[in-house]
N, C-alpha and C. Protein backbone atom coordinates (compact mmCIF):
# COMPACT_ATOMS: atom_id res chain seq x y z
N UNK A 1 26.79 30.14 -39.21
CA UNK A 1 26.69 29.14 -38.16
C UNK A 1 25.53 28.19 -38.47
N UNK A 2 25.63 26.99 -38.04
CA UNK A 2 24.62 25.97 -38.33
C UNK A 2 23.37 26.20 -37.49
N UNK A 3 22.24 25.78 -38.04
CA UNK A 3 20.97 25.93 -37.32
C UNK A 3 20.94 25.04 -36.07
N UNK A 4 21.68 23.96 -36.08
CA UNK A 4 21.70 23.05 -34.93
C UNK A 4 22.26 23.73 -33.68
N UNK A 5 23.11 24.67 -33.86
CA UNK A 5 23.75 25.31 -32.72
C UNK A 5 23.01 26.55 -32.24
N UNK A 6 21.91 26.90 -32.87
CA UNK A 6 21.16 28.09 -32.46
C UNK A 6 20.04 27.70 -31.51
N UNK A 7 19.76 28.53 -30.51
CA UNK A 7 18.66 28.30 -29.56
C UNK A 7 18.86 27.00 -28.81
N UNK A 8 17.93 26.12 -28.94
CA UNK A 8 17.99 24.83 -28.27
C UNK A 8 18.30 23.73 -29.28
N UNK A 9 18.84 24.10 -30.41
CA UNK A 9 19.07 23.18 -31.50
C UNK A 9 20.04 22.07 -31.19
N UNK A 10 21.09 22.36 -30.42
CA UNK A 10 22.06 21.33 -30.10
C UNK A 10 21.40 20.21 -29.30
N UNK A 11 20.58 20.58 -28.32
CA UNK A 11 19.88 19.56 -27.53
C UNK A 11 18.86 18.82 -28.40
N UNK A 12 18.15 19.55 -29.22
CA UNK A 12 17.14 18.95 -30.06
C UNK A 12 17.74 17.94 -31.03
N UNK A 13 18.94 18.20 -31.50
CA UNK A 13 19.54 17.29 -32.48
C UNK A 13 20.14 16.06 -31.82
N UNK A 14 20.31 16.05 -30.51
CA UNK A 14 20.92 14.90 -29.85
C UNK A 14 19.96 14.28 -28.83
N UNK A 15 18.71 14.21 -29.17
CA UNK A 15 17.72 13.67 -28.26
C UNK A 15 17.67 12.15 -28.42
N UNK A 16 18.41 11.45 -27.58
CA UNK A 16 18.46 10.01 -27.62
C UNK A 16 18.57 9.52 -26.17
N UNK A 17 17.84 8.47 -25.83
CA UNK A 17 17.92 7.92 -24.48
C UNK A 17 18.37 6.47 -24.56
N UNK A 18 19.29 6.13 -23.70
CA UNK A 18 19.69 4.74 -23.59
C UNK A 18 18.59 3.98 -22.86
N UNK A 19 18.43 2.68 -23.13
CA UNK A 19 17.41 1.89 -22.42
C UNK A 19 17.56 1.96 -20.90
N UNK A 20 18.79 2.00 -20.41
CA UNK A 20 19.02 2.07 -18.97
C UNK A 20 18.50 3.38 -18.40
N UNK A 21 18.69 4.47 -19.16
CA UNK A 21 18.20 5.77 -18.70
C UNK A 21 16.68 5.82 -18.73
N UNK A 22 16.09 5.20 -19.73
CA UNK A 22 14.63 5.17 -19.83
C UNK A 22 14.04 4.39 -18.65
N UNK A 23 14.62 3.24 -18.32
CA UNK A 23 14.16 2.44 -17.18
C UNK A 23 14.31 3.21 -15.88
N UNK A 24 15.44 3.90 -15.73
CA UNK A 24 15.68 4.68 -14.51
C UNK A 24 14.66 5.81 -14.40
N UNK A 25 14.34 6.44 -15.51
CA UNK A 25 13.36 7.52 -15.51
C UNK A 25 11.97 6.99 -15.14
N UNK A 26 11.59 5.87 -15.69
CA UNK A 26 10.28 5.27 -15.38
C UNK A 26 10.21 4.89 -13.90
N UNK A 27 11.27 4.29 -13.36
CA UNK A 27 11.30 3.94 -11.94
C UNK A 27 11.21 5.18 -11.06
N UNK A 28 11.88 6.24 -11.47
CA UNK A 28 11.83 7.49 -10.71
C UNK A 28 10.40 8.05 -10.69
N UNK A 29 9.73 8.02 -11.83
CA UNK A 29 8.35 8.51 -11.90
C UNK A 29 7.42 7.66 -11.04
N UNK A 30 7.63 6.36 -11.00
CA UNK A 30 6.81 5.49 -10.15
C UNK A 30 7.07 5.77 -8.68
N UNK A 31 8.31 6.00 -8.32
CA UNK A 31 8.65 6.28 -6.92
C UNK A 31 8.06 7.60 -6.46
N UNK A 32 7.84 8.53 -7.36
CA UNK A 32 7.22 9.79 -6.98
C UNK A 32 5.76 9.60 -6.59
N UNK A 33 5.12 8.58 -7.13
CA UNK A 33 3.70 8.33 -6.85
C UNK A 33 3.48 7.46 -5.62
N UNK A 34 4.54 6.94 -5.01
CA UNK A 34 4.39 6.06 -3.86
C UNK A 34 3.82 6.84 -2.67
N UNK A 35 2.97 6.15 -1.91
CA UNK A 35 2.42 6.73 -0.68
C UNK A 35 3.38 6.44 0.46
N UNK A 36 3.42 7.32 1.42
CA UNK A 36 4.21 7.06 2.62
C UNK A 36 3.31 6.41 3.66
N UNK A 37 3.86 5.48 4.41
CA UNK A 37 3.09 4.74 5.41
C UNK A 37 2.70 5.68 6.55
N UNK A 38 1.41 5.75 6.88
CA UNK A 38 0.99 6.61 7.99
C UNK A 38 1.46 6.02 9.33
N UNK A 39 1.86 6.88 10.23
CA UNK A 39 2.29 6.46 11.56
C UNK A 39 1.09 6.51 12.50
N UNK A 40 0.67 5.35 12.99
CA UNK A 40 -0.47 5.29 13.91
C UNK A 40 0.02 5.46 15.33
N UNK A 41 -0.73 6.25 16.11
CA UNK A 41 -0.35 6.42 17.50
C UNK A 41 -0.83 5.21 18.31
N UNK A 42 -0.43 5.16 19.57
CA UNK A 42 -0.73 4.00 20.42
C UNK A 42 -2.22 3.79 20.62
N UNK A 43 -2.98 4.87 20.77
CA UNK A 43 -4.42 4.75 20.97
C UNK A 43 -5.10 4.16 19.75
N UNK A 44 -4.68 4.58 18.57
CA UNK A 44 -5.29 4.06 17.34
C UNK A 44 -4.94 2.58 17.16
N UNK A 45 -3.70 2.21 17.47
CA UNK A 45 -3.32 0.80 17.36
C UNK A 45 -4.10 -0.06 18.36
N UNK A 46 -4.31 0.46 19.54
CA UNK A 46 -5.09 -0.26 20.56
C UNK A 46 -6.55 -0.41 20.11
N UNK A 47 -7.11 0.64 19.51
CA UNK A 47 -8.49 0.58 19.01
C UNK A 47 -8.63 -0.47 17.92
N UNK A 48 -7.67 -0.51 17.02
CA UNK A 48 -7.72 -1.49 15.92
C UNK A 48 -7.59 -2.90 16.47
N UNK A 49 -6.68 -3.11 17.42
CA UNK A 49 -6.51 -4.46 17.97
C UNK A 49 -7.74 -4.91 18.75
N UNK A 50 -8.42 -3.98 19.42
CA UNK A 50 -9.66 -4.34 20.12
C UNK A 50 -10.75 -4.72 19.13
N UNK A 51 -10.85 -4.01 17.99
CA UNK A 51 -11.84 -4.35 16.98
C UNK A 51 -11.54 -5.70 16.34
N UNK A 52 -10.28 -6.01 16.13
CA UNK A 52 -9.91 -7.32 15.59
C UNK A 52 -10.29 -8.44 16.55
N UNK A 53 -10.00 -8.23 17.84
CA UNK A 53 -10.34 -9.24 18.85
C UNK A 53 -11.85 -9.39 18.97
N UNK A 54 -12.58 -8.29 18.92
CA UNK A 54 -14.04 -8.36 19.01
C UNK A 54 -14.63 -9.10 17.81
N UNK A 55 -14.09 -8.86 16.64
CA UNK A 55 -14.56 -9.56 15.45
C UNK A 55 -14.31 -11.06 15.58
N UNK A 56 -13.19 -11.43 16.15
CA UNK A 56 -12.87 -12.85 16.29
C UNK A 56 -13.76 -13.53 17.33
N UNK A 57 -13.98 -12.87 18.46
CA UNK A 57 -14.75 -13.50 19.53
C UNK A 57 -16.26 -13.49 19.28
N UNK A 58 -16.77 -12.44 18.69
CA UNK A 58 -18.22 -12.36 18.49
C UNK A 58 -18.64 -12.68 17.07
N UNK A 59 -17.68 -13.06 16.21
CA UNK A 59 -17.96 -13.43 14.81
C UNK A 59 -18.66 -12.30 14.05
N UNK A 60 -18.27 -11.07 14.35
CA UNK A 60 -18.82 -9.91 13.63
C UNK A 60 -17.92 -9.59 12.45
N UNK A 61 -18.55 -9.09 11.39
CA UNK A 61 -17.81 -8.72 10.19
C UNK A 61 -17.08 -7.40 10.43
N UNK A 62 -15.87 -7.31 9.92
CA UNK A 62 -15.05 -6.12 10.08
C UNK A 62 -14.52 -5.71 8.70
N UNK A 63 -14.41 -4.40 8.50
CA UNK A 63 -13.81 -3.88 7.27
C UNK A 63 -12.43 -3.34 7.62
N UNK A 64 -11.41 -3.88 6.94
CA UNK A 64 -10.04 -3.45 7.16
C UNK A 64 -9.58 -2.55 6.03
N UNK A 65 -8.95 -1.44 6.38
CA UNK A 65 -8.33 -0.55 5.40
C UNK A 65 -6.84 -0.85 5.43
N UNK A 66 -6.30 -1.27 4.27
CA UNK A 66 -4.92 -1.73 4.19
C UNK A 66 -4.05 -0.74 3.42
N UNK A 67 -2.84 -0.53 3.91
CA UNK A 67 -1.88 0.34 3.23
C UNK A 67 -1.19 -0.44 2.12
N UNK A 68 -1.13 0.16 0.96
CA UNK A 68 -0.35 -0.36 -0.17
C UNK A 68 0.55 0.77 -0.64
N UNK A 69 1.61 0.45 -1.36
CA UNK A 69 2.56 1.49 -1.78
C UNK A 69 1.93 2.55 -2.67
N UNK A 70 1.00 2.16 -3.53
CA UNK A 70 0.46 3.10 -4.49
C UNK A 70 -1.00 3.47 -4.24
N UNK A 71 -1.68 2.75 -3.35
CA UNK A 71 -3.08 3.06 -3.06
C UNK A 71 -3.48 2.44 -1.72
N UNK A 72 -4.75 2.53 -1.40
CA UNK A 72 -5.30 1.96 -0.18
C UNK A 72 -6.37 0.96 -0.61
N UNK A 73 -6.39 -0.22 0.01
CA UNK A 73 -7.41 -1.20 -0.34
C UNK A 73 -8.24 -1.54 0.89
N UNK A 74 -9.42 -2.07 0.65
CA UNK A 74 -10.33 -2.44 1.73
C UNK A 74 -10.71 -3.91 1.58
N UNK A 75 -10.74 -4.61 2.72
CA UNK A 75 -11.18 -6.00 2.76
C UNK A 75 -12.23 -6.13 3.84
N UNK A 76 -13.24 -6.93 3.57
CA UNK A 76 -14.31 -7.15 4.54
C UNK A 76 -14.43 -8.64 4.82
N UNK A 77 -14.59 -8.98 6.08
CA UNK A 77 -14.75 -10.37 6.47
C UNK A 77 -14.74 -10.49 7.98
N UNK A 78 -14.59 -11.73 8.44
CA UNK A 78 -14.57 -12.04 9.87
C UNK A 78 -13.17 -12.52 10.23
N UNK A 79 -12.63 -11.99 11.30
CA UNK A 79 -11.32 -12.43 11.78
C UNK A 79 -11.51 -13.80 12.43
N UNK A 80 -10.81 -14.80 11.92
CA UNK A 80 -10.95 -16.15 12.47
C UNK A 80 -9.71 -16.61 13.22
N UNK A 81 -8.60 -15.92 13.03
CA UNK A 81 -7.39 -16.30 13.76
C UNK A 81 -6.45 -15.11 13.84
N UNK A 82 -5.80 -14.97 14.99
CA UNK A 82 -4.78 -13.95 15.18
C UNK A 82 -3.48 -14.67 15.51
N UNK A 83 -2.48 -14.52 14.66
CA UNK A 83 -1.18 -15.15 14.85
C UNK A 83 -0.20 -14.09 15.35
N UNK A 84 0.09 -14.12 16.66
CA UNK A 84 0.95 -13.10 17.24
C UNK A 84 2.41 -13.29 16.86
N UNK A 85 2.80 -14.52 16.58
CA UNK A 85 4.18 -14.77 16.20
C UNK A 85 4.49 -14.22 14.81
N UNK A 86 3.58 -14.44 13.88
CA UNK A 86 3.76 -13.95 12.52
C UNK A 86 3.25 -12.51 12.35
N UNK A 87 2.59 -11.99 13.39
CA UNK A 87 2.00 -10.65 13.37
C UNK A 87 1.04 -10.49 12.18
N UNK A 88 0.11 -11.43 12.10
CA UNK A 88 -0.87 -11.41 11.02
C UNK A 88 -2.21 -11.92 11.54
N UNK A 89 -3.26 -11.62 10.78
CA UNK A 89 -4.60 -12.09 11.10
C UNK A 89 -5.17 -12.79 9.88
N UNK A 90 -6.02 -13.80 10.15
CA UNK A 90 -6.68 -14.50 9.05
C UNK A 90 -8.09 -13.93 8.92
N UNK A 91 -8.37 -13.35 7.76
CA UNK A 91 -9.67 -12.76 7.47
C UNK A 91 -10.43 -13.72 6.58
N UNK A 92 -11.58 -14.19 7.07
CA UNK A 92 -12.38 -15.14 6.30
C UNK A 92 -13.47 -14.39 5.57
N UNK A 93 -13.53 -14.63 4.25
CA UNK A 93 -14.52 -14.01 3.39
C UNK A 93 -15.31 -15.13 2.73
N UNK A 94 -16.54 -15.34 3.18
CA UNK A 94 -17.39 -16.43 2.70
C UNK A 94 -16.66 -17.76 2.84
N UNK A 95 -16.26 -18.40 1.74
CA UNK A 95 -15.59 -19.70 1.82
C UNK A 95 -14.09 -19.60 1.63
N UNK A 96 -13.56 -18.38 1.54
CA UNK A 96 -12.14 -18.17 1.31
C UNK A 96 -11.56 -17.38 2.47
N UNK A 97 -10.25 -17.44 2.63
CA UNK A 97 -9.59 -16.61 3.65
C UNK A 97 -8.30 -16.04 3.10
N UNK A 98 -7.86 -14.98 3.74
CA UNK A 98 -6.62 -14.30 3.36
C UNK A 98 -5.89 -13.89 4.64
N UNK A 99 -4.56 -14.05 4.62
CA UNK A 99 -3.74 -13.61 5.74
C UNK A 99 -3.34 -12.16 5.50
N UNK A 100 -3.52 -11.33 6.52
CA UNK A 100 -3.21 -9.90 6.42
C UNK A 100 -2.18 -9.57 7.49
N UNK A 101 -1.11 -8.90 7.09
CA UNK A 101 -0.10 -8.45 8.04
C UNK A 101 -0.68 -7.30 8.87
N UNK A 102 -0.47 -7.34 10.16
CA UNK A 102 -1.02 -6.32 11.07
C UNK A 102 -0.43 -4.94 10.76
N UNK A 103 0.83 -4.87 10.34
CA UNK A 103 1.45 -3.56 10.06
C UNK A 103 0.81 -2.89 8.85
N UNK A 104 0.12 -3.66 7.98
CA UNK A 104 -0.54 -3.09 6.82
C UNK A 104 -1.92 -2.51 7.13
N UNK A 105 -2.47 -2.83 8.30
CA UNK A 105 -3.81 -2.35 8.67
C UNK A 105 -3.69 -0.93 9.20
N UNK A 106 -4.38 0.00 8.53
CA UNK A 106 -4.32 1.40 8.99
C UNK A 106 -5.66 1.86 9.57
N UNK A 107 -6.72 1.04 9.39
CA UNK A 107 -8.01 1.36 10.00
C UNK A 107 -8.88 0.12 9.98
N UNK A 108 -9.82 0.05 10.92
CA UNK A 108 -10.77 -1.06 10.99
C UNK A 108 -12.10 -0.54 11.49
N UNK A 109 -13.19 -1.09 10.91
CA UNK A 109 -14.54 -0.69 11.29
C UNK A 109 -15.40 -1.94 11.38
N UNK A 110 -16.13 -2.10 12.50
CA UNK A 110 -17.05 -3.23 12.61
C UNK A 110 -18.30 -2.95 11.79
N UNK A 111 -18.80 -3.96 11.12
CA UNK A 111 -20.01 -3.83 10.31
C UNK A 111 -21.21 -4.25 11.10
C-alpha cells in the first residue's frame, strides 16, 4: 500500500486551499475576535446623558468610552452640541471636533 494512504497521509498529500476558502477562513477568524455590544440599563443611560448635558452647559471636559467592534476607544473633549435627531453629539477637542453616535458611548466621566 502507498505511504500516502497510511495514517494522515491522504490529507497531507491533498493540502490545498482555494482563495475563496482562505478568505472565508480569515473572515471567520476575525469574527471570532469581535466584541459584543454591552447592553446599558436605563439608569446608566440616564447617567451618561446627564454627564453629556453637564459638559455642554458648564463647558467641562468629559472622557467618553466608545464601543468598537474589535476594541474600546476613549475620546476626551467638551460637548458643544447635542443633535437629538441624528442621535449624536459633537465633541470638541482643542481646535477640532468629531461627531460621536450616542449608541456607541458605553461610559462617560467628567474631568
